[in-house]
C-alpha atoms as a PDB file:
ATOM      1  CA  MET A   1       0.968  30.878  15.080  1.00  0.00           C
ATOM      2  CA  ALA A   2       2.626  32.841  17.939  1.00  0.00           C
ATOM      3  CA  ILE A   3      -0.398  32.266  20.105  1.00  0.00           C
ATOM      4  CA  ARG A   4      -0.188  28.465  19.678  1.00  0.00           C
ATOM      5  CA  THR A   5       3.523  28.486  20.415  1.00  0.00           C
ATOM      6  CA  THR A   6       2.963  30.595  23.567  1.00  0.00           C
ATOM      7  CA  ILE A   7       0.183  28.247  24.783  1.00  0.00           C
ATOM      8  CA  GLY A   8       2.361  25.190  24.041  1.00  0.00           C
ATOM      9  CA  TRP A   9       5.346  26.586  25.982  1.00  0.00           C
ATOM     10  CA  SER A  10       3.050  27.602  28.819  1.00  0.00           C
ATOM     11  CA  LEU A  11       1.659  24.068  29.121  1.00  0.00           C
ATOM     12  CA  ILE A  12       5.047  22.510  28.992  1.00  0.00           C
ATOM     13  CA  THR A  13       6.514  24.814  31.630  1.00  0.00           C
ATOM     14  CA  SER A  14       3.518  24.468  33.915  1.00  0.00           C
ATOM     15  CA  GLY A  15       3.850  20.694  33.687  1.00  0.00           C
ATOM     16  CA  ILE A  16       7.558  20.841  34.529  1.00  0.00           C
ATOM     17  CA  VAL A  17       6.955  23.251  37.438  1.00  0.00           C
ATOM     18  CA  THR A  18       4.217  21.000  38.817  1.00  0.00           C
ATOM     19  CA  LEU A  19       6.619  17.980  38.760  1.00  0.00           C
ATOM     20  CA  VAL A  20       9.438  20.074  40.385  1.00  0.00           C
ATOM     21  CA  LEU A  21       7.096  21.445  43.072  1.00  0.00           C
ATOM     22  CA  ALA A  22       6.246  17.864  44.139  1.00  0.00           C
ATOM     23  CA  TYR A  23       9.935  17.214  45.005  1.00  0.00           C
ATOM     24  CA  LEU A  24      11.033  20.510  46.548  1.00  0.00           C
ATOM     25  CA  PRO A  25      11.609  20.468  50.298  1.00  0.00           C
ATOM     26  CA  TYR A  26       9.566  23.450  51.400  1.00  0.00           C
ATOM     27  CA  PRO A  27       5.767  23.816  50.994  1.00  0.00           C
ATOM     28  CA  SER A  28       4.843  24.384  47.384  1.00  0.00           C
ATOM     29  CA  PHE A  29       2.938  27.504  48.360  1.00  0.00           C
ATOM     30  CA  TYR A  30       6.119  29.418  48.956  1.00  0.00           C
ATOM     31  CA  TRP A  31       7.672  28.181  45.714  1.00  0.00           C
ATOM     32  CA  GLY A  32       4.529  29.187  43.872  1.00  0.00           C
ATOM     33  CA  ILE A  33       4.714  32.714  45.262  1.00  0.00           C
ATOM     34  CA  GLY A  34       8.472  32.868  44.362  1.00  0.00           C
ATOM     35  CA  LEU A  35       7.856  31.700  40.845  1.00  0.00           C
ATOM     36  CA  LEU A  36       5.068  34.182  40.374  1.00  0.00           C
ATOM     37  CA  VAL A  37       7.362  37.000  41.501  1.00  0.00           C
ATOM     38  CA  VAL A  38      10.185  35.855  39.169  1.00  0.00           C
ATOM     39  CA  GLY A  39       7.828  35.493  36.276  1.00  0.00           C
ATOM     40  CA  THR A  40       6.402  38.983  36.864  1.00  0.00           C
ATOM     41  CA  LEU A  41       9.917  40.475  37.039  1.00  0.00           C
ATOM     42  CA  VAL A  42      10.897  38.752  33.795  1.00  0.00           C
ATOM     43  CA  PHE A  43       7.686  39.960  32.041  1.00  0.00           C
ATOM     44  CA  VAL A  44       8.069  43.539  33.329  1.00  0.00           C
ATOM     45  CA  THR A  45      11.780  43.848  32.509  1.00  0.00           C
ATOM     46  CA  ARG A  46      11.143  42.486  28.976  1.00  0.00           C
ATOM     47  CA  ARG A  47       8.483  45.106  28.436  1.00  0.00           C
ATOM     48  CA  ILE A  48      10.815  47.898  29.594  1.00  0.00           C
ATOM     49  CA  PHE A  49      13.899  46.896  27.627  1.00  0.00           C
END
C-alpha cells in the first residue's frame, strides 16, 4: 500500500513540476538541477533525523 501511495505522489508531483517548468523564466535545466538538489537534501535530512 505504501508503495502505491509513493508512486502516486511521485507521478502527481512530477506532473506539477513539469507544468511549472514550462512557465519559469530561466532554462528548465537549471530548475531541474535545483530541484534535484533540494529533493536530495530533503531525503538525506529525513534519513538523519
